[in-house]
Amino acid sequence: MSTKEKKQEQVDTLEKEVFQHEIVLHNDEVNTFDFVIDSLISVCDHTQEQAEQCTYLVHYKGKCTVKSGEFKELEPKCSKLLQLGLSAELI
């Protein structure tokens, strides 16, 4: 009987690290809950429930991350929120 040797190879893999950016929505005293909810649904593709939760967090905590991802994806969304009169920043 012969014994076969098994060789285990170690393979290095490269992972592309993509820095995730965030759109942070800040509280203001101008926009209504309904307007903010509708804006998050149309601009950030939130569900009704997500938009409501974010709106309440913004109201009670002062700010909330409403979307994260790559800069090139988030930049036009943040610009649209700003055009709608919401207080948002891309970080």
PDB file of N, CA and C in Angstrom:
ATOM      1  N   MET A   1       0.817  -1.175   0.000  1.00  0.00           N
ATOM      2  CA  MET A   1       0.000   0.000   0.000  1.00  0.00           C
ATOM      3  C   MET A   1       0.865   1.244   0.000  1.00  0.00           C
ATOM      4  N   SER A   2       0.489   2.181  -0.809  1.00  0.00           N
ATOM      5  CA  SER A   2       1.257   3.423  -0.849  1.00  0.00           C
ATOM      6  C   SER A   2       0.436   4.567  -0.254  1.00  0.00           C
ATOM      7  N   THR A   3       1.137   5.510   0.251  1.00  0.00           N
ATOM      8  CA  THR A   3       0.496   6.683   0.849  1.00  0.00           C
ATOM      9  C   THR A   3       0.726   7.875  -0.063  1.00  0.00           C
ATOM     10  N   LYS A   4      -0.354   8.586  -0.345  1.00  0.00           N
ATOM     11  CA  LYS A   4      -0.228   9.782  -1.171  1.00  0.00           C
ATOM     12  C   LYS A   4      -0.164  11.006  -0.260  1.00  0.00           C
ATOM     13  N   GLU A   5       0.733  11.862  -0.606  1.00  0.00           N
ATOM     14  CA  GLU A   5       0.840  13.097   0.157  1.00  0.00           C
ATOM     15  C   GLU A   5      -0.076  14.142  -0.452  1.00  0.00           C
ATOM     16  N   LYS A   6      -0.749  14.832   0.404  1.00  0.00           N
ATOM     17  CA  LYS A   6      -1.590  15.938  -0.059  1.00  0.00           C
ATOM     18  C   LYS A   6      -0.862  17.226   0.256  1.00  0.00           C
ATOM     19  N   LYS A   7      -0.735  18.050  -0.741  1.00  0.00           N
ATOM     20  CA  LYS A   7      -0.096  19.347  -0.542  1.00  0.00           C
ATOM     21  C   LYS A   7      -1.181  20.412  -0.470  1.00  0.00           C
ATOM     22  N   GLN A   8      -1.032  21.244   0.484  1.00  0.00           N
ATOM     23  CA  GLN A   8      -1.983  22.330   0.636  1.00  0.00           C
ATOM     24  C   GLN A   8      -1.281  23.609   0.190  1.00  0.00           C
ATOM     25  N   GLU A   9      -1.906  24.262  -0.777  1.00  0.00           N
ATOM     26  CA  GLU A   9      -1.331  25.497  -1.285  1.00  0.00           C
ATOM     27  C   GLU A   9      -1.972  26.684  -0.586  1.00  0.00           C
ATOM     28  N   GLN A  10      -1.142  27.632  -0.332  1.00  0.00           N
ATOM     29  CA  GLN A  10      -1.654  28.856   0.247  1.00  0.00           C
ATOM     30  C   GLN A  10      -1.747  29.876  -0.884  1.00  0.00           C
ATOM     31  N   VAL A  11      -2.938  30.401  -1.069  1.00  0.00           N
ATOM     32  CA  VAL A  11      -3.166  31.344  -2.152  1.00  0.00           C
ATOM     33  C   VAL A  11      -3.508  32.697  -1.555  1.00  0.00           C
ATOM     34  N   ASP A  12      -2.775  33.680  -1.968  1.00  0.00           N
ATOM     35  CA  ASP A  12      -3.069  35.044  -1.541  1.00  0.00           C
ATOM     36  C   ASP A  12      -4.121  35.629  -2.468  1.00  0.00           C
ATOM     37  N   THR A  13      -5.113  36.232  -1.881  1.00  0.00           N
ATOM     38  CA  THR A  13      -6.140  36.886  -2.699  1.00  0.00           C
ATOM     39  C   THR A  13      -6.123  38.373  -2.399  1.00  0.00           C
ATOM     40  N   LEU A  14      -6.309  39.107  -3.420  1.00  0.00           N
ATOM     41  CA  LEU A  14      -6.384  40.554  -3.273  1.00  0.00           C
ATOM     42  C   LEU A  14      -7.851  40.951  -3.205  1.00  0.00           C
ATOM     43  N   GLU A  15      -8.168  41.754  -2.236  1.00  0.00           N
ATOM     44  CA  GLU A  15      -9.525  42.254  -2.115  1.00  0.00           C
ATOM     45  C   GLU A  15      -9.488  43.754  -2.356  1.00  0.00           C
ATOM     46  N   LYS A  16     -10.401  44.188  -3.178  1.00  0.00           N
ATOM     47  CA  LYS A  16     -10.493  45.610  -3.442  1.00  0.00           C
ATOM     48  C   LYS A  16     -11.263  46.251  -2.295  1.00  0.00           C
ATOM     49  N   GLU A  17     -10.603  47.150  -1.614  1.00  0.00           N
ATOM     50  CA  GLU A  17     -11.247  47.825  -0.500  1.00  0.00           C
ATOM     51  C   GLU A  17     -11.901  49.098  -1.027  1.00  0.00           C
ATOM     52  N   VAL A  18     -13.193  49.161  -0.889  1.00  0.00           N
ATOM     53  CA  VAL A  18     -13.932  50.327  -1.348  1.00  0.00           C
ATOM     54  C   VAL A  18     -14.412  51.077  -0.116  1.00  0.00           C
ATOM     55  N   PHE A  19     -13.987  52.311  -0.013  1.00  0.00           N
ATOM     56  CA  PHE A  19     -14.410  53.128   1.112  1.00  0.00           C
ATOM     57  C   PHE A  19     -15.879  53.479   0.943  1.00  0.00           C
ATOM     58  N   GLN A  20     -16.665  53.171   1.934  1.00  0.00           N
ATOM     59  CA  GLN A  20     -18.088  53.457   1.881  1.00  0.00           C
ATOM     60  C   GLN A  20     -18.352  54.875   2.387  1.00  0.00           C
ATOM     61  N   HIS A  21     -19.037  55.638   1.586  1.00  0.00           N
ATOM     62  CA  HIS A  21     -19.448  56.987   1.967  1.00  0.00           C
ATOM     63  C   HIS A  21     -20.879  56.925   2.472  1.00  0.00           C
ATOM     64  N   GLU A  22     -21.314  57.986   3.104  1.00  0.00           N
ATOM     65  CA  GLU A  22     -22.663  58.037   3.654  1.00  0.00           C
ATOM     66  C   GLU A  22     -23.319  59.374   3.365  1.00  0.00           C
ATOM     67  N   ILE A  23     -24.632  59.327   3.134  1.00  0.00           N
ATOM     68  CA  ILE A  23     -25.434  60.547   3.104  1.00  0.00           C
ATOM     69  C   ILE A  23     -26.049  60.670   4.488  1.00  0.00           C
ATOM     70  N   VAL A  24     -25.757  61.771   5.144  1.00  0.00           N
ATOM     71  CA  VAL A  24     -26.301  62.027   6.475  1.00  0.00           C
ATOM     72  C   VAL A  24     -27.331  63.140   6.339  1.00  0.00           C
ATOM     73  N   LEU A  25     -28.536  62.861   6.798  1.00  0.00           N
ATOM     74  CA  LEU A  25     -29.619  63.834   6.778  1.00  0.00           C
ATOM     75  C   LEU A  25     -29.707  64.480   8.147  1.00  0.00           C
ATOM     76  N   HIS A  26     -29.792  65.819   8.171  1.00  0.00           N
ATOM     77  CA  HIS A  26     -29.850  66.569   9.424  1.00  0.00           C
ATOM     78  C   HIS A  26     -31.250  67.125   9.638  1.00  0.00           C
ATOM     79  N   ASN A  27     -31.585  67.299  10.898  1.00  0.00           N
ATOM     80  CA  ASN A  27     -32.885  67.844  11.258  1.00  0.00           C
ATOM     81  C   ASN A  27     -32.967  69.320  10.877  1.00  0.00           C
ATOM     82  N   ASP A  28     -34.154  69.745  10.496  1.00  0.00           N
ATOM     83  CA  ASP A  28     -34.413  71.161  10.272  1.00  0.00           C
ATOM     84  C   ASP A  28     -35.817  71.462  10.783  1.00  0.00           C
ATOM     85  N   GLU A  29     -36.126  72.702  10.881  1.00  0.00           N
ATOM     86  CA  GLU A  29     -37.442  73.120  11.374  1.00  0.00           C
ATOM     87  C   GLU A  29     -38.342  73.575  10.235  1.00  0.00           C
ATOM     88  N   VAL A  30     -37.997  73.214   9.008  1.00  0.00           N
ATOM     89  CA  VAL A  30     -38.717  73.711   7.839  1.00  0.00           C
ATOM     90  C   VAL A  30     -39.591  72.637   7.205  1.00  0.00           C
ATOM     91  N   ASN A  31     -39.027  71.477   6.952  1.00  0.00           N
ATOM     92  CA  ASN A  31     -39.715  70.443   6.182  1.00  0.00           C
ATOM     93  C   ASN A  31     -40.604  69.569   7.062  1.00  0.00           C
ATOM     94  N   THR A  32     -41.737  69.152   6.505  1.00  0.00           N
ATOM     95  CA  THR A  32     -42.671  68.304   7.233  1.00  0.00           C
ATOM     96  C   THR A  32     -42.212  66.849   7.185  1.00  0.00           C
ATOM     97  N   PHE A  33     -42.743  66.059   8.103  1.00  0.00           N
ATOM     98  CA  PHE A  33     -42.440  64.632   8.117  1.00  0.00           C
ATOM     99  C   PHE A  33     -42.802  64.002   6.773  1.00  0.00           C
ATOM    100  N   ASP A  34     -43.987  64.304   6.296  1.00  0.00           N
ATOM    101  CA  ASP A  34     -44.449  63.708   5.037  1.00  0.00           C
ATOM    102  C   ASP A  34     -43.533  64.059   3.870  1.00  0.00           C
ATOM    103  N   PHE A  35     -43.069  65.314   3.828  1.00  0.00           N
ATOM    104  CA  PHE A  35     -42.177  65.719   2.742  1.00  0.00           C
ATOM    105  C   PHE A  35     -40.850  64.969   2.808  1.00  0.00           C
ATOM    106  N   VAL A  36     -40.291  64.842   4.003  1.00  0.00           N
ATOM    107  CA  VAL A  36     -39.018  64.135   4.166  1.00  0.00           C
ATOM    108  C   VAL A  36     -39.188  62.663   3.800  1.00  0.00           C
ATOM    109  N   ILE A  37     -40.265  62.050   4.251  1.00  0.00           N
ATOM    110  CA  ILE A  37     -40.529  60.646   3.929  1.00  0.00           C
ATOM    111  C   ILE A  37     -40.643  60.449   2.424  1.00  0.00           C
ATOM    112  N   ASP A  38     -41.435  61.284   1.771  1.00  0.00           N
ATOM    113  CA  ASP A  38     -41.601  61.184   0.316  1.00  0.00           C
ATOM    114  C   ASP A  38     -40.281  61.399  -0.415  1.00  0.00           C
ATOM    115  N   SER A  39     -39.460  62.318   0.088  1.00  0.00           N
ATOM    116  CA  SER A  39     -38.163  62.599  -0.536  1.00  0.00           C
ATOM    117  C   SER A  39     -37.229  61.395  -0.423  1.00  0.00           C
ATOM    118  N   LEU A  40     -37.198  60.760   0.742  1.00  0.00           N
ATOM    119  CA  LEU A  40     -36.338  59.594   0.930  1.00  0.00           C
ATOM    120  C   LEU A  40     -36.785  58.423   0.066  1.00  0.00           C
ATOM    121  N   ILE A  41     -38.082  58.284  -0.104  1.00  0.00           N
ATOM    122  CA  ILE A  41     -38.595  57.217  -0.959  1.00  0.00           C
ATOM    123  C   ILE A  41     -38.196  57.460  -2.409  1.00  0.00           C
ATOM    124  N   SER A  42     -38.365  58.690  -2.887  1.00  0.00           N
ATOM    125  CA  SER A  42     -38.088  58.961  -4.304  1.00  0.00           C
ATOM    126  C   SER A  42     -36.599  59.070  -4.615  1.00  0.00           C
ATOM    127  N   VAL A  43     -35.823  59.654  -3.729  1.00  0.00           N
ATOM    128  CA  VAL A  43     -34.401  59.882  -4.016  1.00  0.00           C
ATOM    129  C   VAL A  43     -33.520  58.706  -3.600  1.00  0.00           C
ATOM    130  N   CYS A  44     -33.769  58.160  -2.421  1.00  0.00           N
ATOM    131  CA  CYS A  44     -32.897  57.120  -1.870  1.00  0.00           C
ATOM    132  C   CYS A  44     -33.458  55.713  -2.038  1.00  0.00           C
ATOM    133  N   ASP A  45     -34.589  55.600  -2.710  1.00  0.00           N
ATOM    134  CA  ASP A  45     -35.216  54.298  -2.947  1.00  0.00           C
ATOM    135  C   ASP A  45     -35.561  53.563  -1.650  1.00  0.00           C
ATOM    136  N   HIS A  46     -35.947  54.315  -0.623  1.00  0.00           N
ATOM    137  CA  HIS A  46     -36.359  53.709   0.637  1.00  0.00           C
ATOM    138  C   HIS A  46     -37.758  53.139   0.504  1.00  0.00           C
ATOM    139  N   THR A  47     -38.045  52.145   1.335  1.00  0.00           N
ATOM    140  CA  THR A  47     -39.426  51.695   1.487  1.00  0.00           C
ATOM    141  C   THR A  47     -40.122  52.712   2.392  1.00  0.00           C
ATOM    142  N   GLN A  48     -41.422  52.629   2.474  1.00  0.00           N
ATOM    143  CA  GLN A  48     -42.176  53.530   3.351  1.00  0.00           C
ATOM    144  C   GLN A  48     -41.673  53.411   4.794  1.00  0.00           C
ATOM    145  N   GLU A  49     -41.472  52.175   5.241  1.00  0.00           N
ATOM    146  CA  GLU A  49     -41.028  51.946   6.616  1.00  0.00           C
ATOM    147  C   GLU A  49     -39.626  52.501   6.872  1.00  0.00           C
ATOM    148  N   GLN A  50     -38.705  52.287   5.932  1.00  0.00           N
ATOM    149  CA  GLN A  50     -37.339  52.817   6.082  1.00  0.00           C
ATOM    150  C   GLN A  50     -37.368  54.336   6.168  1.00  0.00           C
ATOM    151  N   ALA A  51     -38.131  54.955   5.280  1.00  0.00           N
ATOM    152  CA  ALA A  51     -38.200  56.414   5.243  1.00  0.00           C
ATOM    153  C   ALA A  51     -38.779  56.967   6.538  1.00  0.00           C
ATOM    154  N   GLU A  52     -39.809  56.323   7.056  1.00  0.00           N
ATOM    155  CA  GLU A  52     -40.403  56.770   8.317  1.00  0.00           C
ATOM    156  C   GLU A  52     -39.413  56.640   9.463  1.00  0.00           C
ATOM    157  N   GLN A  53     -38.712  55.518   9.537  1.00  0.00           N
ATOM    158  CA  GLN A  53     -37.741  55.305  10.608  1.00  0.00           C
ATOM    159  C   GLN A  53     -36.626  56.336  10.558  1.00  0.00           C
ATOM    160  N   CYS A  54     -36.111  56.591   9.366  1.00  0.00           N
ATOM    161  CA  CYS A  54     -35.051  57.589   9.224  1.00  0.00           C
ATOM    162  C   CYS A  54     -35.551  58.976   9.617  1.00  0.00           C
ATOM    163  N   THR A  55     -36.770  59.295   9.212  1.00  0.00           N
ATOM    164  CA  THR A  55     -37.335  60.609   9.527  1.00  0.00           C
ATOM    165  C   THR A  55     -37.473  60.792  11.034  1.00  0.00           C
ATOM    166  N   TYR A  56     -37.922  59.774  11.739  1.00  0.00           N
ATOM    167  CA  TYR A  56     -38.030  59.864  13.203  1.00  0.00           C
ATOM    168  C   TYR A  56     -36.662  59.967  13.863  1.00  0.00           C
ATOM    169  N   LEU A  57     -35.683  59.219  13.351  1.00  0.00           N
ATOM    170  CA  LEU A  57     -34.325  59.325  13.899  1.00  0.00           C
ATOM    171  C   LEU A  57     -33.769  60.724  13.702  1.00  0.00           C
ATOM    172  N   VAL A  58     -33.975  61.285  12.527  1.00  0.00           N
ATOM    173  CA  VAL A  58     -33.501  62.650  12.256  1.00  0.00           C
ATOM    174  C   VAL A  58     -34.172  63.631  13.221  1.00  0.00           C
ATOM    175  N   HIS A  59     -35.464  63.465  13.412  1.00  0.00           N
ATOM    176  CA  HIS A  59     -36.210  64.376  14.275  1.00  0.00           C
ATOM    177  C   HIS A  59     -35.746  64.296  15.731  1.00  0.00           C
ATOM    178  N   TYR A  60     -35.593  63.076  16.241  1.00  0.00           N
ATOM    179  CA  TYR A  60     -35.270  62.915  17.656  1.00  0.00           C
ATOM    180  C   TYR A  60     -33.778  62.907  17.971  1.00  0.00           C
ATOM    181  N   LYS A  61     -32.948  62.464  17.037  1.00  0.00           N
ATOM    182  CA  LYS A  61     -31.500  62.391  17.274  1.00  0.00           C
ATOM    183  C   LYS A  61     -30.726  63.532  16.618  1.00  0.00           C
ATOM    184  N   GLY A  62     -31.371  64.240  15.688  1.00  0.00           N
ATOM    185  CA  GLY A  62     -30.713  65.368  15.038  1.00  0.00           C
ATOM    186  C   GLY A  62     -30.110  65.031  13.687  1.00  0.00           C
ATOM    187  N   LYS A  63     -29.810  63.752  13.455  1.00  0.00           N
ATOM    188  CA  LYS A  63     -29.266  63.338  12.164  1.00  0.00           C
ATOM    189  C   LYS A  63     -29.382  61.836  12.021  1.00  0.00           C
ATOM    190  N   CYS A  64     -29.246  61.369  10.783  1.00  0.00           N
ATOM    191  CA  CYS A  64     -29.327  59.938  10.515  1.00  0.00           C
ATOM    192  C   CYS A  64     -28.664  59.647   9.170  1.00  0.00           C
ATOM    193  N   THR A  65     -27.911  58.552   9.113  1.00  0.00           N
ATOM    194  CA  THR A  65     -27.374  58.100   7.832  1.00  0.00           C
ATOM    195  C   THR A  65     -28.510  57.463   7.057  1.00  0.00           C
ATOM    196  N   VAL A  66     -28.805  58.026   5.874  1.00  0.00           N
ATOM    197  CA  VAL A  66     -29.940  57.545   5.092  1.00  0.00           C
ATOM    198  C   VAL A  66     -29.530  56.671   3.915  1.00  0.00           C
ATOM    199  N   LYS A  67     -28.254  56.711   3.543  1.00  0.00           N
ATOM    200  CA  LYS A  67     -27.778  55.890   2.423  1.00  0.00           C
ATOM    201  C   LYS A  67     -26.267  55.772   2.541  1.00  0.00           C
ATOM    202  N   SER A  68     -25.739  54.583   2.226  1.00  0.00           N
ATOM    203  CA  SER A  68     -24.287  54.407   2.187  1.00  0.00           C
ATOM    204  C   SER A  68     -23.926  53.690   0.900  1.00  0.00           C
ATOM    205  N   GLY A  69     -22.695  53.916   0.460  1.00  0.00           N
ATOM    206  CA  GLY A  69     -22.238  53.303  -0.779  1.00  0.00           C
ATOM    207  C   GLY A  69     -21.050  54.052  -1.347  1.00  0.00           C
ATOM    208  N   GLU A  70     -20.847  53.877  -2.636  1.00  0.00           N
ATOM    209  CA  GLU A  70     -19.726  54.532  -3.306  1.00  0.00           C
ATOM    210  C   GLU A  70     -20.070  55.990  -3.603  1.00  0.00           C
ATOM    211  N   PHE A  71     -19.039  56.821  -3.597  1.00  0.00           N
ATOM    212  CA  PHE A  71     -19.212  58.260  -3.774  1.00  0.00           C
ATOM    213  C   PHE A  71     -19.967  58.594  -5.052  1.00  0.00           C
ATOM    214  N   LYS A  72     -19.578  57.950  -6.154  1.00  0.00           N
ATOM    215  CA  LYS A  72     -20.187  58.279  -7.452  1.00  0.00           C
ATOM    216  C   LYS A  72     -21.675  57.947  -7.493  1.00  0.00           C
ATOM    217  N   GLU A  73     -22.110  56.987  -6.685  1.00  0.00           N
ATOM    218  CA  GLU A  73     -23.528  56.632  -6.605  1.00  0.00           C
ATOM    219  C   GLU A  73     -24.295  57.620  -5.713  1.00  0.00           C
ATOM    220  N   LEU A  74     -23.647  58.075  -4.642  1.00  0.00           N
ATOM    221  CA  LEU A  74     -24.312  58.905  -3.650  1.00  0.00           C
ATOM    222  C   LEU A  74     -24.346  60.388  -3.985  1.00  0.00           C
ATOM    223  N   GLU A  75     -23.362  60.858  -4.732  1.00  0.00           N
ATOM    224  CA  GLU A  75     -23.269  62.296  -5.011  1.00  0.00           C
ATOM    225  C   GLU A  75     -24.538  62.867  -5.648  1.00  0.00           C
ATOM    226  N   PRO A  76     -25.080  62.248  -6.705  1.00  0.00           N
ATOM    227  CA  PRO A  76     -26.308  62.821  -7.279  1.00  0.00           C
ATOM    228  C   PRO A  76     -27.508  62.724  -6.342  1.00  0.00           C
ATOM    229  N   LYS A  77     -27.565  61.698  -5.509  1.00  0.00           N
ATOM    230  CA  LYS A  77     -28.666  61.559  -4.559  1.00  0.00           C
ATOM    231  C   LYS A  77     -28.605  62.649  -3.494  1.00  0.00           C
ATOM    232  N   CYS A  78     -27.408  62.915  -2.999  1.00  0.00           N
ATOM    233  CA  CYS A  78     -27.242  63.974  -2.007  1.00  0.00           C
ATOM    234  C   CYS A  78     -27.583  65.333  -2.616  1.00  0.00           C
ATOM    235  N   SER A  79     -27.144  65.559  -3.834  1.00  0.00           N
ATOM    236  CA  SER A  79     -27.456  66.822  -4.519  1.00  0.00           C
ATOM    237  C   SER A  79     -28.959  67.009  -4.678  1.00  0.00           C
ATOM    238  N   LYS A  80     -29.656  65.938  -5.010  1.00  0.00           N
ATOM    239  CA  LYS A  80     -31.104  66.002  -5.173  1.00  0.00           C
ATOM    240  C   LYS A  80     -31.791  66.330  -3.848  1.00  0.00           C
ATOM    241  N   LEU A  81     -31.330  65.718  -2.766  1.00  0.00           N
ATOM    242  CA  LEU A  81     -31.900  66.032  -1.450  1.00  0.00           C
ATOM    243  C   LEU A  81     -31.687  67.503  -1.110  1.00  0.00           C
ATOM    244  N   LEU A  82     -30.509  68.015  -1.426  1.00  0.00           N
ATOM    245  CA  LEU A  82     -30.225  69.431  -1.171  1.00  0.00           C
ATOM    246  C   LEU A  82     -31.106  70.330  -2.035  1.00  0.00           C
ATOM    247  N   GLN A  83     -31.315  69.955  -3.295  1.00  0.00           N
ATOM    248  CA  GLN A  83     -32.192  70.726  -4.184  1.00  0.00           C
ATOM    249  C   GLN A  83     -33.625  70.768  -3.663  1.00  0.00           C
ATOM    250  N   LEU A  84     -34.034  69.697  -2.995  1.00  0.00           N
ATOM    251  CA  LEU A  84     -35.379  69.641  -2.437  1.00  0.00           C
ATOM    252  C   LEU A  84     -35.510  70.454  -1.146  1.00  0.00           C
ATOM    253  N   GLY A  85     -34.387  70.979  -0.683  1.00  0.00           N
ATOM    254  CA  GLY A  85     -34.413  71.825   0.514  1.00  0.00           C
ATOM    255  C   GLY A  85     -34.127  71.093   1.808  1.00  0.00           C
ATOM    256  N   LEU A  86     -33.671  69.862   1.713  1.00  0.00           N
ATOM    257  CA  LEU A  86     -33.305  69.114   2.912  1.00  0.00           C
ATOM    258  C   LEU A  86     -31.861  69.411   3.285  1.00  0.00           C
ATOM    259  N   SER A  87     -31.551  69.221   4.534  1.00  0.00           N
ATOM    260  CA  SER A  87     -30.200  69.455   5.029  1.00  0.00           C
ATOM    261  C   SER A  87     -29.459  68.127   5.039  1.00  0.00           C
ATOM    262  N   ALA A  88     -28.576  67.927   4.068  1.00  0.00           N
ATOM    263  CA  ALA A  88     -27.863  66.653   3.929  1.00  0.00           C
ATOM    264  C   ALA A  88     -26.395  66.915   3.615  1.00  0.00           C
ATOM    265  N   GLU A  89     -25.569  65.943   3.973  1.00  0.00           N
ATOM    266  CA  GLU A  89     -24.145  66.021   3.637  1.00  0.00           C
ATOM    267  C   GLU A  89     -23.654  64.648   3.235  1.00  0.00           C
ATOM    268  N   LEU A  90     -22.641  64.643   2.392  1.00  0.00           N
ATOM    269  CA  LEU A  90     -22.025  63.404   1.932  1.00  0.00           C
ATOM    270  C   LEU A  90     -20.669  63.290   2.604  1.00  0.00           C
ATOM    271  N   ILE A  91     -20.489  62.217   3.390  1.00  0.00           N
ATOM    272  CA  ILE A  91     -19.224  62.051   4.111  1.00  0.00           C
ATOM    273  C   ILE A  91     -18.603  60.727   3.736  1.00  0.00           C
TER     274      ILE A  91
END
